[in-house]
PDB file of all heavy atoms in Angstrom:
ATOM      1  N   ILE A   1      18.902   6.187 -89.746  1.00  0.00           N
ATOM      2  CA  ILE A   1      19.809   5.144 -89.263  1.00  0.00           C
ATOM      3  C   ILE A   1      20.493   5.594 -87.974  1.00  0.00           C
ATOM      4  O   ILE A   1      20.716   4.793 -87.061  1.00  0.00           O
ATOM      5  CB  ILE A   1      20.824   4.771 -90.359  1.00  0.00           C
ATOM      6  CG1 ILE A   1      20.085   4.084 -91.508  1.00  0.00           C
ATOM      7  CG2 ILE A   1      21.916   3.864 -89.816  1.00  0.00           C
ATOM      8  CD1 ILE A   1      20.920   3.794 -92.716  1.00  0.00           C
ATOM      9  N   GLY A   2      20.795   6.891 -87.848  1.00  0.00           N
ATOM     10  CA  GLY A   2      21.361   7.406 -86.602  1.00  0.00           C
ATOM     11  C   GLY A   2      20.389   7.280 -85.434  1.00  0.00           C
ATOM     12  O   GLY A   2      20.786   6.934 -84.319  1.00  0.00           O
ATOM     13  N   CYS A   3      19.106   7.548 -85.692  1.00  0.00           N
ATOM     14  CA  CYS A   3      18.090   7.364 -84.638  1.00  0.00           C
ATOM     15  C   CYS A   3      17.996   5.899 -84.237  1.00  0.00           C
ATOM     16  O   CYS A   3      17.861   5.581 -83.051  1.00  0.00           O
ATOM     17  CB  CYS A   3      16.737   7.869 -85.122  1.00  0.00           C
ATOM     18  SG  CYS A   3      16.617   9.648 -85.176  1.00  0.00           S
ATOM     19  N   ALA A   4      18.055   5.021 -85.220  1.00  0.00           N
ATOM     20  CA  ALA A   4      18.014   3.585 -84.911  1.00  0.00           C
ATOM     21  C   ALA A   4      19.244   3.182 -84.098  1.00  0.00           C
ATOM     22  O   ALA A   4      19.141   2.373 -83.171  1.00  0.00           O
ATOM     23  CB  ALA A   4      17.931   2.774 -86.198  1.00  0.00           C
ATOM     24  N   ALA A   5      20.393   3.756 -84.408  1.00  0.00           N
ATOM     25  CA  ALA A   5      21.611   3.434 -83.661  1.00  0.00           C
ATOM     26  C   ALA A   5      21.543   3.920 -82.225  1.00  0.00           C
ATOM     27  O   ALA A   5      22.154   3.341 -81.333  1.00  0.00           O
ATOM     28  CB  ALA A   5      22.833   4.046 -84.351  1.00  0.00           C
ATOM     29  N   SER A   6      20.780   4.987 -81.987  1.00  0.00           N
ATOM     30  CA  SER A   6      20.690   5.504 -80.619  1.00  0.00           C
ATOM     31  C   SER A   6      19.713   4.725 -79.754  1.00  0.00           C
ATOM     32  O   SER A   6      19.823   4.761 -78.534  1.00  0.00           O
ATOM     33  CB  SER A   6      20.320   6.986 -80.632  1.00  0.00           C
ATOM     34  OG  SER A   6      19.002   7.150 -81.084  1.00  0.00           O
ATOM     35  N   VAL A   7      18.761   4.017 -80.354  1.00  0.00           N
ATOM     36  CA  VAL A   7      17.790   3.279 -79.539  1.00  0.00           C
ATOM     37  C   VAL A   7      18.095   1.795 -79.458  1.00  0.00           C
ATOM     38  O   VAL A   7      17.536   1.103 -78.609  1.00  0.00           O
ATOM     39  CB  VAL A   7      16.343   3.493 -80.052  1.00  0.00           C
ATOM     40  CG1 VAL A   7      15.935   4.938 -79.925  1.00  0.00           C
ATOM     41  CG2 VAL A   7      16.166   2.990 -81.459  1.00  0.00           C
ATOM     42  N   LEU A   8      18.971   1.305 -80.322  1.00  0.00           N
ATOM     43  CA  LEU A   8      19.318  -0.115 -80.253  1.00  0.00           C
ATOM     44  C   LEU A   8      20.194  -0.381 -79.032  1.00  0.00           C
ATOM     45  O   LEU A   8      21.065   0.423 -78.709  1.00  0.00           O
ATOM     46  CB  LEU A   8      20.087  -0.535 -81.514  1.00  0.00           C
ATOM     47  CG  LEU A   8      19.286  -0.618 -82.806  1.00  0.00           C
ATOM     48  CD1 LEU A   8      20.226  -0.923 -83.964  1.00  0.00           C
ATOM     49  CD2 LEU A   8      18.211  -1.666 -82.704  1.00  0.00           C
ATOM     50  N   PRO A   9      19.972  -1.496 -78.355  1.00  0.00           N
ATOM     51  CA  PRO A   9      20.849  -1.812 -77.222  1.00  0.00           C
ATOM     52  C   PRO A   9      22.244  -2.157 -77.729  1.00  0.00           C
ATOM     53  O   PRO A   9      22.412  -2.743 -78.797  1.00  0.00           O
ATOM     54  CB  PRO A   9      20.176  -3.022 -76.568  1.00  0.00           C
ATOM     55  CG  PRO A   9      19.318  -3.609 -77.621  1.00  0.00           C
ATOM     56  CD  PRO A   9      18.927  -2.492 -78.533  1.00  0.00           C
ATOM     57  N   VAL A  10      23.249  -1.796 -76.931  1.00  0.00           N
ATOM     58  CA  VAL A  10      24.635  -2.062 -77.301  1.00  0.00           C
ATOM     59  C   VAL A  10      25.010  -3.436 -76.770  1.00  0.00           C
ATOM     60  O   VAL A  10      24.813  -3.744 -75.601  1.00  0.00           O
ATOM     61  CB  VAL A  10      25.570  -0.981 -76.714  1.00  0.00           C
ATOM     62  CG1 VAL A  10      27.011  -1.288 -77.048  1.00  0.00           C
ATOM     63  CG2 VAL A  10      25.177   0.372 -77.254  1.00  0.00           C
ATOM     64  N   PHE A  11      25.557  -4.265 -77.647  1.00  0.00           N
ATOM     65  CA  PHE A  11      25.946  -5.614 -77.265  1.00  0.00           C
ATOM     66  C   PHE A  11      27.381  -5.612 -76.763  1.00  0.00           C
ATOM     67  O   PHE A  11      28.033  -4.583 -76.700  1.00  0.00           O
ATOM     68  CB  PHE A  11      25.777  -6.561 -78.458  1.00  0.00           C
ATOM     69  CG  PHE A  11      24.360  -6.632 -78.950  1.00  0.00           C
ATOM     70  CD1 PHE A  11      24.025  -6.110 -80.182  1.00  0.00           C
ATOM     71  CD2 PHE A  11      23.367  -7.185 -78.161  1.00  0.00           C
ATOM     72  CE1 PHE A  11      22.723  -6.153 -80.628  1.00  0.00           C
ATOM     73  CE2 PHE A  11      22.054  -7.232 -78.599  1.00  0.00           C
ATOM     74  CZ  PHE A  11      21.730  -6.717 -79.838  1.00  0.00           C
ATOM     75  N   ALA A  12      27.871  -6.789 -76.430  1.00  0.00           N
ATOM     76  CA  ALA A  12      29.218  -6.896 -75.878  1.00  0.00           C
ATOM     77  C   ALA A  12      30.283  -6.437 -76.878  1.00  0.00           C
ATOM     78  O   ALA A  12      31.284  -5.857 -76.505  1.00  0.00           O
ATOM     79  CB  ALA A  12      29.491  -8.340 -75.446  1.00  0.00           C
ATOM     80  N   LEU A  13      30.059  -6.679 -78.138  1.00  0.00           N
ATOM     81  CA  LEU A  13      31.013  -6.272 -79.171  1.00  0.00           C
ATOM     82  C   LEU A  13      30.567  -4.942 -79.766  1.00  0.00           C
ATOM     83  O   LEU A  13      30.093  -4.859 -80.894  1.00  0.00           O
ATOM     84  CB  LEU A  13      31.114  -7.348 -80.249  1.00  0.00           C
ATOM     85  CG  LEU A  13      31.542  -8.732 -79.751  1.00  0.00           C
ATOM     86  CD1 LEU A  13      31.435  -9.758 -80.849  1.00  0.00           C
ATOM     87  CD2 LEU A  13      32.954  -8.679 -79.202  1.00  0.00           C
ATOM     88  N   ALA A  14      30.725  -3.891 -78.998  1.00  0.00           N
ATOM     89  CA  ALA A  14      30.198  -2.582 -79.385  1.00  0.00           C
ATOM     90  C   ALA A  14      30.893  -2.026 -80.621  1.00  0.00           C
ATOM     91  O   ALA A  14      30.259  -1.406 -81.465  1.00  0.00           O
ATOM     92  CB  ALA A  14      30.340  -1.605 -78.225  1.00  0.00           C
ATOM     93  N   ARG A  15      32.199  -2.256 -80.754  1.00  0.00           N
ATOM     94  CA  ARG A  15      32.912  -1.718 -81.919  1.00  0.00           C
ATOM     95  C   ARG A  15      32.462  -2.375 -83.205  1.00  0.00           C
ATOM     96  O   ARG A  15      32.288  -1.709 -84.225  1.00  0.00           O
ATOM     97  CB  ARG A  15      34.413  -1.883 -81.734  1.00  0.00           C
ATOM     98  CG  ARG A  15      35.005  -0.847 -80.808  1.00  0.00           C
ATOM     99  CD  ARG A  15      36.460  -1.065 -80.655  1.00  0.00           C
ATOM    100  NE  ARG A  15      36.614  -1.828 -79.419  1.00  0.00           N
ATOM    101  CZ  ARG A  15      37.746  -2.236 -78.929  1.00  0.00           C
ATOM    102  NH1 ARG A  15      38.854  -1.991 -79.550  1.00  0.00           N
ATOM    103  NH2 ARG A  15      37.794  -2.892 -77.799  1.00  0.00           N
ATOM    104  N   ILE A  16      32.254  -3.684 -83.163  1.00  0.00           N
ATOM    105  CA  ILE A  16      31.800  -4.390 -84.365  1.00  0.00           C
ATOM    106  C   ILE A  16      30.379  -3.971 -84.711  1.00  0.00           C
ATOM    107  O   ILE A  16      30.047  -3.757 -85.887  1.00  0.00           O
ATOM    108  CB  ILE A  16      31.918  -5.915 -84.162  1.00  0.00           C
ATOM    109  CG1 ILE A  16      33.393  -6.283 -84.039  1.00  0.00           C
ATOM    110  CG2 ILE A  16      31.259  -6.674 -85.297  1.00  0.00           C
ATOM    111  CD1 ILE A  16      33.661  -7.710 -83.693  1.00  0.00           C
ATOM    112  N   GLN A  17      29.538  -3.831 -83.700  1.00  0.00           N
ATOM    113  CA  GLN A  17      28.164  -3.374 -83.938  1.00  0.00           C
ATOM    114  C   GLN A  17      28.176  -1.961 -84.534  1.00  0.00           C
ATOM    115  O   GLN A  17      27.414  -1.664 -85.445  1.00  0.00           O
ATOM    116  CB  GLN A  17      27.378  -3.391 -82.638  1.00  0.00           C
ATOM    117  CG  GLN A  17      25.949  -2.932 -82.792  1.00  0.00           C
ATOM    118  CD  GLN A  17      25.210  -2.878 -81.458  1.00  0.00           C
ATOM    119  OE1 GLN A  17      25.795  -3.129 -80.405  1.00  0.00           O
ATOM    120  NE2 GLN A  17      23.957  -2.554 -81.509  1.00  0.00           N
ATOM    121  N   LEU A  18      29.054  -1.123 -84.041  1.00  0.00           N
ATOM    122  CA  LEU A  18      29.168   0.238 -84.564  1.00  0.00           C
ATOM    123  C   LEU A  18      29.663   0.236 -86.008  1.00  0.00           C
ATOM    124  O   LEU A  18      29.157   0.984 -86.848  1.00  0.00           O
ATOM    125  CB  LEU A  18      30.105   1.037 -83.665  1.00  0.00           C
ATOM    126  CG  LEU A  18      30.093   2.541 -83.771  1.00  0.00           C
ATOM    127  CD1 LEU A  18      28.688   3.093 -83.609  1.00  0.00           C
ATOM    128  CD2 LEU A  18      31.004   3.137 -82.732  1.00  0.00           C
ATOM    129  N   MET A  19      30.632  -0.617 -86.308  1.00  0.00           N
ATOM    130  CA  MET A  19      31.116  -0.725 -87.692  1.00  0.00           C
ATOM    131  C   MET A  19      30.019  -1.214 -88.628  1.00  0.00           C
ATOM    132  O   MET A  19      29.882  -0.703 -89.748  1.00  0.00           O
ATOM    133  CB  MET A  19      32.319  -1.669 -87.760  1.00  0.00           C
ATOM    134  CG  MET A  19      33.606  -1.068 -87.318  1.00  0.00           C
ATOM    135  SD  MET A  19      34.925  -2.205 -87.717  1.00  0.00           S
ATOM    136  CE  MET A  19      36.052  -1.870 -86.411  1.00  0.00           C
ATOM    137  N   LEU A  20      29.232  -2.191 -88.167  1.00  0.00           N
ATOM    138  CA  LEU A  20      28.129  -2.687 -89.003  1.00  0.00           C
ATOM    139  C   LEU A  20      27.084  -1.604 -89.238  1.00  0.00           C
ATOM    140  O   LEU A  20      26.566  -1.461 -90.345  1.00  0.00           O
ATOM    141  CB  LEU A  20      27.494  -3.923 -88.359  1.00  0.00           C
ATOM    142  CG  LEU A  20      28.321  -5.199 -88.415  1.00  0.00           C
ATOM    143  CD1 LEU A  20      27.648  -6.303 -87.619  1.00  0.00           C
ATOM    144  CD2 LEU A  20      28.538  -5.632 -89.850  1.00  0.00           C
ATOM    145  N   THR A  21      26.794  -0.839 -88.200  1.00  0.00           N
ATOM    146  CA  THR A  21      25.814   0.247 -88.341  1.00  0.00           C
ATOM    147  C   THR A  21      26.314   1.296 -89.322  1.00  0.00           C
ATOM    148  O   THR A  21      25.559   1.764 -90.184  1.00  0.00           O
ATOM    149  CB  THR A  21      25.535   0.896 -86.976  1.00  0.00           C
ATOM    150  OG1 THR A  21      25.141  -0.108 -86.046  1.00  0.00           O
ATOM    151  CG2 THR A  21      24.439   1.930 -87.079  1.00  0.00           C
ATOM    152  N   LEU A  22      27.579   1.661 -89.211  1.00  0.00           N
ATOM    153  CA  LEU A  22      28.145   2.632 -90.148  1.00  0.00           C
ATOM    154  C   LEU A  22      28.178   2.078 -91.567  1.00  0.00           C
ATOM    155  O   LEU A  22      27.909   2.805 -92.536  1.00  0.00           O
ATOM    156  CB  LEU A  22      29.555   3.031 -89.700  1.00  0.00           C
ATOM    157  CG  LEU A  22      29.635   3.953 -88.493  1.00  0.00           C
ATOM    158  CD1 LEU A  22      31.071   4.063 -88.013  1.00  0.00           C
ATOM    159  CD2 LEU A  22      29.084   5.321 -88.819  1.00  0.00           C
ATOM    160  N   ALA A  23      28.501   0.792 -91.717  1.00  0.00           N
ATOM    161  CA  ALA A  23      28.537   0.182 -93.043  1.00  0.00           C
ATOM    162  C   ALA A  23      27.141   0.145 -93.670  1.00  0.00           C
ATOM    163  O   ALA A  23      26.970   0.445 -94.865  1.00  0.00           O
ATOM    164  CB  ALA A  23      29.121  -1.222 -92.960  1.00  0.00           C
ATOM    165  N   VAL A  24      26.138  -0.188 -92.872  1.00  0.00           N
ATOM    166  CA  VAL A  24      24.759  -0.203 -93.385  1.00  0.00           C
ATOM    167  C   VAL A  24      24.329   1.203 -93.784  1.00  0.00           C
ATOM    168  O   VAL A  24      23.696   1.404 -94.829  1.00  0.00           O
ATOM    169  CB  VAL A  24      23.798  -0.812 -92.328  1.00  0.00           C
ATOM    170  CG1 VAL A  24      22.351  -0.538 -92.664  1.00  0.00           C
ATOM    171  CG2 VAL A  24      24.041  -2.296 -92.201  1.00  0.00           C
ATOM    172  N   ALA A  25      24.678   2.189 -92.957  1.00  0.00           N
ATOM    173  CA  ALA A  25      24.306   3.573 -93.274  1.00  0.00           C
ATOM    174  C   ALA A  25      24.979   4.042 -94.554  1.00  0.00           C
ATOM    175  O   ALA A  25      24.352   4.690 -95.402  1.00  0.00           O
ATOM    176  CB  ALA A  25      24.678   4.493 -92.107  1.00  0.00           C
TER     177      ALA A  25
END
């Protein structure tokens, strides 16, 4: 999941995307 987080493009709402990634992990 960390590798996926490093290759996914960051959207305008980076904090929310980061929270979702951490929640999924």
